[in-house]
Each structure stands twice: as structure tokens, then as C-alpha cells.
Amino acid sequence: MQIIPFKEPAQWQEQIELDNQTFVLSFRWNAMNEYWVMDILTRDLVPIILGIKVVANYNLTSQYVNDGKPTGDIVCQNIIGGEGKIQRLDMGEVTELIYYSLGEFA
């Protein structure tokens, strides 16, 4: 299990190593509809999965079968309990993105 650090700006990206493979995760806040969107790219910024809506208490990557995606699962978990909609500044405070290696998330 690995917590994916989350930054405050409304749009940002980070390079991260997941299971010994380097990815770029890109995030942007959709102000009109009030939700975060995540993109997964290779280290060379080649898109793997684009437009993933970040939803609390949900496995964000399991439904995708794209070649090159992380082998495990990225899950957004509410860390204080509850089922509410994620607000702009909730990430890291109310919810966290967690990467589970293959077989860790059941």
C-alpha cells in the first residue's frame, strides 16, 4: 500500500513510482461540476488513461484494461468516515488516494 501525495493547486501533476514503474499522474479540479479528474501517463507523458473522475470509496482503475497501466489499483478512500462528495480541498484531509499493489486490495 502506498499513499499518493496530493497537492493543493487546482491543476498539477507529479511523477511517481508504483511497483517499480514510473508514471505521471495529472490532476485537475472541474470547477463547474465540482470533482477531481485524474489522468495516468507514462514518464514520457504518453497517455495511458485519461479523464478518471475521482470518487470517494471507489477503485478508480480496476475497470480499465489498458496496456501499460499500473498493475495494482488506485483507490480514493475517505479517511474520516462518511460517503459525501469530495470537495475541492478534501484530498489529503478527508480523502486520500492509495495505491494497492496487485493482490493487496480485496
N, C-alpha and C. Protein backbone atom coordinates (compact mmCIF):
# COMPACT_ATOMS: atom_id res chain seq x y z
N MET A 1 0.84 -1.17 0.00
CA MET A 1 0.00 0.00 0.00
C MET A 1 0.89 1.24 0.00
N GLN A 2 0.50 2.21 -0.81
CA GLN A 2 1.29 3.44 -0.93
C GLN A 2 0.33 4.63 -1.04
N ILE A 3 0.49 5.61 -0.17
CA ILE A 3 -0.34 6.82 -0.25
C ILE A 3 0.23 7.72 -1.34
N ILE A 4 -0.63 8.17 -2.22
CA ILE A 4 -0.22 9.08 -3.30
C ILE A 4 -0.40 10.50 -2.77
N PRO A 5 0.71 11.25 -2.63
CA PRO A 5 0.60 12.62 -2.12
C PRO A 5 -0.26 13.49 -3.02
N PHE A 6 -1.03 14.37 -2.42
CA PHE A 6 -1.93 15.24 -3.18
C PHE A 6 -1.59 16.68 -2.88
N LYS A 7 -1.53 17.51 -3.91
CA LYS A 7 -1.18 18.92 -3.75
C LYS A 7 -2.44 19.78 -3.81
N GLU A 8 -2.30 21.04 -3.41
CA GLU A 8 -3.45 21.92 -3.30
C GLU A 8 -3.89 22.63 -4.59
N PRO A 9 -2.99 22.96 -5.53
CA PRO A 9 -3.44 23.71 -6.71
C PRO A 9 -4.57 23.00 -7.46
N ALA A 10 -5.35 23.78 -8.20
CA ALA A 10 -6.49 23.22 -8.93
C ALA A 10 -6.06 22.38 -10.12
N GLN A 11 -4.80 22.48 -10.54
CA GLN A 11 -4.28 21.64 -11.62
C GLN A 11 -2.79 21.42 -11.38
N TRP A 12 -2.37 20.15 -11.40
CA TRP A 12 -0.98 19.83 -11.15
C TRP A 12 -0.69 18.40 -11.59
N GLN A 13 0.58 18.06 -11.67
CA GLN A 13 0.97 16.68 -11.98
C GLN A 13 2.21 16.31 -11.18
N GLU A 14 2.40 15.00 -11.02
CA GLU A 14 3.57 14.51 -10.31
C GLU A 14 4.06 13.22 -10.93
N GLN A 15 5.35 13.02 -10.84
CA GLN A 15 5.94 11.77 -11.28
C GLN A 15 6.02 10.88 -10.05
N ILE A 16 5.60 9.62 -10.20
CA ILE A 16 5.54 8.72 -9.05
C ILE A 16 5.91 7.31 -9.48
N GLU A 17 6.55 6.59 -8.59
CA GLU A 17 6.90 5.20 -8.86
C GLU A 17 5.88 4.29 -8.18
N LEU A 18 5.25 3.44 -8.98
CA LEU A 18 4.28 2.47 -8.49
C LEU A 18 4.74 1.08 -8.93
N ASP A 19 5.02 0.22 -7.99
CA ASP A 19 5.53 -1.13 -8.28
C ASP A 19 6.71 -1.10 -9.24
N ASN A 20 7.69 -0.26 -8.92
CA ASN A 20 8.95 -0.16 -9.68
C ASN A 20 8.78 0.31 -11.12
N GLN A 21 7.69 0.99 -11.40
CA GLN A 21 7.45 1.57 -12.72
C GLN A 21 7.09 3.04 -12.52
N THR A 22 7.66 3.92 -13.35
CA THR A 22 7.42 5.35 -13.20
C THR A 22 6.24 5.81 -14.05
N PHE A 23 5.34 6.55 -13.42
CA PHE A 23 4.16 7.12 -14.08
C PHE A 23 4.10 8.60 -13.77
N VAL A 24 3.32 9.33 -14.56
CA VAL A 24 2.97 10.70 -14.25
C VAL A 24 1.47 10.71 -14.00
N LEU A 25 1.08 11.22 -12.84
CA LEU A 25 -0.33 11.38 -12.52
C LEU A 25 -0.64 12.87 -12.63
N SER A 26 -1.69 13.18 -13.36
CA SER A 26 -2.09 14.56 -13.59
C SER A 26 -3.48 14.75 -12.99
N PHE A 27 -3.67 15.85 -12.28
CA PHE A 27 -4.94 16.12 -11.61
C PHE A 27 -5.44 17.51 -11.98
N ARG A 28 -6.73 17.64 -12.13
CA ARG A 28 -7.34 18.95 -12.35
C ARG A 28 -8.72 18.97 -11.69
N TRP A 29 -9.07 20.12 -11.14
CA TRP A 29 -10.35 20.32 -10.49
C TRP A 29 -11.33 20.82 -11.53
N ASN A 30 -12.44 20.12 -11.70
CA ASN A 30 -13.51 20.55 -12.59
C ASN A 30 -14.43 21.44 -11.75
N ALA A 31 -14.24 22.76 -11.89
CA ALA A 31 -14.97 23.72 -11.04
C ALA A 31 -16.46 23.74 -11.35
N MET A 32 -16.83 23.54 -12.60
CA MET A 32 -18.24 23.59 -12.96
C MET A 32 -19.03 22.45 -12.30
N ASN A 33 -18.48 21.25 -12.35
CA ASN A 33 -19.18 20.07 -11.81
C ASN A 33 -18.66 19.65 -10.43
N GLU A 34 -17.62 20.31 -9.96
CA GLU A 34 -17.05 20.11 -8.63
C GLU A 34 -16.57 18.69 -8.37
N TYR A 35 -15.57 18.25 -9.13
CA TYR A 35 -14.90 16.99 -8.87
C TYR A 35 -13.49 17.02 -9.44
N TRP A 36 -12.64 16.15 -8.89
CA TRP A 36 -11.28 16.00 -9.38
C TRP A 36 -11.26 15.01 -10.54
N VAL A 37 -10.37 15.25 -11.50
CA VAL A 37 -10.14 14.36 -12.63
C VAL A 37 -8.68 13.94 -12.60
N MET A 38 -8.42 12.66 -12.81
CA MET A 38 -7.06 12.14 -12.81
C MET A 38 -6.74 11.53 -14.17
N ASP A 39 -5.54 11.80 -14.66
CA ASP A 39 -5.01 11.16 -15.86
C ASP A 39 -3.77 10.38 -15.46
N ILE A 40 -3.55 9.24 -16.11
CA ILE A 40 -2.34 8.44 -15.89
C ILE A 40 -1.56 8.43 -17.20
N LEU A 41 -0.28 8.81 -17.11
CA LEU A 41 0.58 8.89 -18.29
C LEU A 41 1.88 8.16 -18.02
N THR A 42 2.59 7.82 -19.09
CA THR A 42 3.92 7.26 -18.93
C THR A 42 4.86 8.36 -18.47
N ARG A 43 6.07 7.99 -18.10
CA ARG A 43 7.05 9.01 -17.69
C ARG A 43 7.37 9.98 -18.81
N ASP A 44 7.12 9.55 -20.07
CA ASP A 44 7.35 10.41 -21.24
C ASP A 44 6.08 11.17 -21.65
N LEU A 45 5.09 11.18 -20.78
CA LEU A 45 3.82 11.89 -20.95
C LEU A 45 2.94 11.34 -22.07
N VAL A 46 3.09 10.04 -22.35
CA VAL A 46 2.19 9.37 -23.29
C VAL A 46 0.96 8.92 -22.49
N PRO A 47 -0.24 9.32 -22.92
CA PRO A 47 -1.46 8.97 -22.17
C PRO A 47 -1.68 7.46 -22.07
N ILE A 48 -2.05 7.01 -20.89
CA ILE A 48 -2.45 5.62 -20.66
C ILE A 48 -3.96 5.59 -20.42
N ILE A 49 -4.41 6.37 -19.42
CA ILE A 49 -5.85 6.51 -19.12
C ILE A 49 -6.10 7.99 -18.85
N LEU A 50 -7.10 8.54 -19.51
CA LEU A 50 -7.43 9.95 -19.34
C LEU A 50 -8.85 10.12 -18.81
N GLY A 51 -9.06 11.14 -17.99
CA GLY A 51 -10.41 11.53 -17.58
C GLY A 51 -11.06 10.68 -16.51
N ILE A 52 -10.28 10.16 -15.57
CA ILE A 52 -10.85 9.36 -14.49
C ILE A 52 -11.43 10.29 -13.42
N LYS A 53 -12.73 10.19 -13.19
CA LYS A 53 -13.37 11.00 -12.15
C LYS A 53 -13.00 10.40 -10.79
N VAL A 54 -12.48 11.23 -9.90
CA VAL A 54 -12.08 10.76 -8.57
C VAL A 54 -13.31 10.75 -7.66
N VAL A 55 -13.67 9.56 -7.22
CA VAL A 55 -14.86 9.34 -6.39
C VAL A 55 -14.42 8.64 -5.10
N ALA A 56 -14.92 9.10 -3.98
CA ALA A 56 -14.55 8.52 -2.68
C ALA A 56 -15.05 7.09 -2.55
N ASN A 57 -14.24 6.28 -1.87
CA ASN A 57 -14.57 4.89 -1.56
C ASN A 57 -14.82 4.06 -2.81
N TYR A 58 -13.95 4.25 -3.80
CA TYR A 58 -14.13 3.59 -5.10
C TYR A 58 -12.77 3.26 -5.69
N ASN A 59 -12.69 2.08 -6.32
CA ASN A 59 -11.48 1.68 -7.03
C ASN A 59 -11.50 2.41 -8.38
N LEU A 60 -10.58 3.33 -8.59
CA LEU A 60 -10.59 4.19 -9.77
C LEU A 60 -10.04 3.55 -11.03
N THR A 61 -9.26 2.49 -10.91
CA THR A 61 -8.57 1.94 -12.08
C THR A 61 -8.94 0.51 -12.46
N SER A 62 -9.70 -0.18 -11.64
CA SER A 62 -9.95 -1.60 -11.89
C SER A 62 -10.72 -1.87 -13.18
N GLN A 63 -11.55 -0.94 -13.63
CA GLN A 63 -12.37 -1.18 -14.83
C GLN A 63 -11.60 -0.99 -16.13
N TYR A 64 -10.37 -0.50 -16.05
CA TYR A 64 -9.57 -0.26 -17.26
C TYR A 64 -8.63 -1.43 -17.52
N VAL A 65 -8.49 -1.79 -18.80
CA VAL A 65 -7.61 -2.90 -19.19
C VAL A 65 -6.50 -2.42 -20.12
N ASN A 66 -6.17 -1.15 -20.06
CA ASN A 66 -5.18 -0.55 -20.93
C ASN A 66 -3.80 -1.14 -20.70
N ASP A 67 -3.07 -1.37 -21.79
CA ASP A 67 -1.68 -1.79 -21.67
C ASP A 67 -0.87 -0.65 -21.05
N GLY A 68 0.03 -1.00 -20.17
CA GLY A 68 0.90 0.00 -19.59
C GLY A 68 0.40 0.64 -18.32
N LYS A 69 -0.85 0.36 -17.93
CA LYS A 69 -1.37 0.97 -16.70
C LYS A 69 -0.71 0.30 -15.50
N PRO A 70 -0.76 0.94 -14.33
CA PRO A 70 -0.20 0.31 -13.14
C PRO A 70 -0.82 -1.07 -12.91
N THR A 71 -0.02 -2.00 -12.42
CA THR A 71 -0.51 -3.36 -12.22
C THR A 71 -1.48 -3.47 -11.05
N GLY A 72 -1.37 -2.55 -10.10
CA GLY A 72 -2.26 -2.55 -8.95
C GLY A 72 -3.46 -1.64 -9.16
N ASP A 73 -4.06 -1.21 -8.05
CA ASP A 73 -5.27 -0.40 -8.10
C ASP A 73 -5.08 0.91 -7.36
N ILE A 74 -5.63 2.00 -7.92
CA ILE A 74 -5.66 3.29 -7.24
C ILE A 74 -7.07 3.48 -6.70
N VAL A 75 -7.15 3.69 -5.40
CA VAL A 75 -8.42 3.80 -4.70
C VAL A 75 -8.46 5.13 -3.97
N CYS A 76 -9.58 5.80 -4.02
CA CYS A 76 -9.79 7.02 -3.23
C CYS A 76 -10.59 6.61 -1.99
N GLN A 77 -9.99 6.81 -0.81
CA GLN A 77 -10.65 6.39 0.42
C GLN A 77 -10.93 7.57 1.32
N ASN A 78 -12.14 7.59 1.87
CA ASN A 78 -12.50 8.58 2.88
C ASN A 78 -11.84 8.12 4.17
N ILE A 79 -10.94 8.93 4.72
CA ILE A 79 -10.16 8.52 5.89
C ILE A 79 -10.79 8.93 7.22
N ILE A 80 -11.89 9.69 7.16
CA ILE A 80 -12.55 10.08 8.41
C ILE A 80 -13.95 9.48 8.53
N GLY A 81 -14.31 8.66 7.54
CA GLY A 81 -15.64 8.05 7.54
C GLY A 81 -16.62 8.92 6.79
N GLY A 82 -17.61 8.29 6.24
CA GLY A 82 -18.62 9.03 5.51
C GLY A 82 -18.59 8.74 4.02
N GLU A 83 -19.61 9.19 3.35
CA GLU A 83 -19.79 8.89 1.93
C GLU A 83 -19.94 10.15 1.07
N GLY A 84 -19.75 11.32 1.65
CA GLY A 84 -20.03 12.57 0.96
C GLY A 84 -19.18 12.82 -0.27
N LYS A 85 -19.64 13.79 -1.05
CA LYS A 85 -18.95 14.22 -2.26
C LYS A 85 -17.62 14.88 -1.88
N ILE A 86 -16.58 14.64 -2.66
CA ILE A 86 -15.27 15.23 -2.40
C ILE A 86 -15.31 16.71 -2.77
N GLN A 87 -14.90 17.55 -1.83
CA GLN A 87 -14.82 18.98 -2.07
C GLN A 87 -13.41 19.35 -2.55
N ARG A 88 -13.24 20.53 -3.03
CA ARG A 88 -12.00 21.00 -3.66
C ARG A 88 -10.76 20.76 -2.79
N LEU A 89 -10.83 21.03 -1.49
CA LEU A 89 -9.65 20.91 -0.62
C LEU A 89 -9.68 19.69 0.29
N ASP A 90 -10.51 18.70 -0.02
CA ASP A 90 -10.65 17.50 0.81
C ASP A 90 -9.49 16.51 0.67
N MET A 91 -8.86 16.47 -0.50
CA MET A 91 -7.83 15.46 -0.73
C MET A 91 -6.67 15.65 0.26
N GLY A 92 -6.33 14.57 0.94
CA GLY A 92 -5.28 14.61 1.94
C GLY A 92 -5.79 14.96 3.33
N GLU A 93 -6.99 15.51 3.41
CA GLU A 93 -7.58 15.87 4.70
C GLU A 93 -8.75 14.94 5.04
N VAL A 94 -9.66 14.77 4.09
CA VAL A 94 -10.85 13.94 4.27
C VAL A 94 -10.70 12.63 3.50
N THR A 95 -10.11 12.72 2.33
CA THR A 95 -9.89 11.54 1.49
C THR A 95 -8.43 11.46 1.08
N GLU A 96 -7.99 10.25 0.75
CA GLU A 96 -6.63 10.02 0.26
C GLU A 96 -6.68 9.09 -0.94
N LEU A 97 -5.73 9.29 -1.83
CA LEU A 97 -5.53 8.34 -2.92
C LEU A 97 -4.52 7.31 -2.43
N ILE A 98 -4.86 6.05 -2.58
CA ILE A 98 -3.99 4.98 -2.11
C ILE A 98 -3.78 4.00 -3.26
N TYR A 99 -2.52 3.63 -3.46
CA TYR A 99 -2.17 2.63 -4.48
C TYR A 99 -1.95 1.30 -3.77
N TYR A 100 -2.69 0.28 -4.22
CA TYR A 100 -2.53 -1.07 -3.71
C TYR A 100 -1.86 -1.91 -4.79
N SER A 101 -0.75 -2.55 -4.47
CA SER A 101 -0.09 -3.45 -5.41
C SER A 101 -1.03 -4.60 -5.75
N LEU A 102 -0.76 -5.28 -6.84
CA LEU A 102 -1.58 -6.39 -7.30
C LEU A 102 -1.81 -7.39 -6.16
N GLY A 103 -3.07 -7.68 -5.86
CA GLY A 103 -3.42 -8.64 -4.84
C GLY A 103 -3.60 -8.05 -3.44
N GLU A 104 -3.21 -6.81 -3.22
CA GLU A 104 -3.36 -6.18 -1.90
C GLU A 104 -4.77 -5.72 -1.62
N PHE A 105 -5.50 -5.29 -2.67
CA PHE A 105 -6.83 -4.74 -2.50
C PHE A 105 -7.86 -5.82 -2.78
N ALA A 106 -8.68 -6.12 -1.78
CA ALA A 106 -9.68 -7.17 -1.97
C ALA A 106 -11.06 -6.61 -1.86
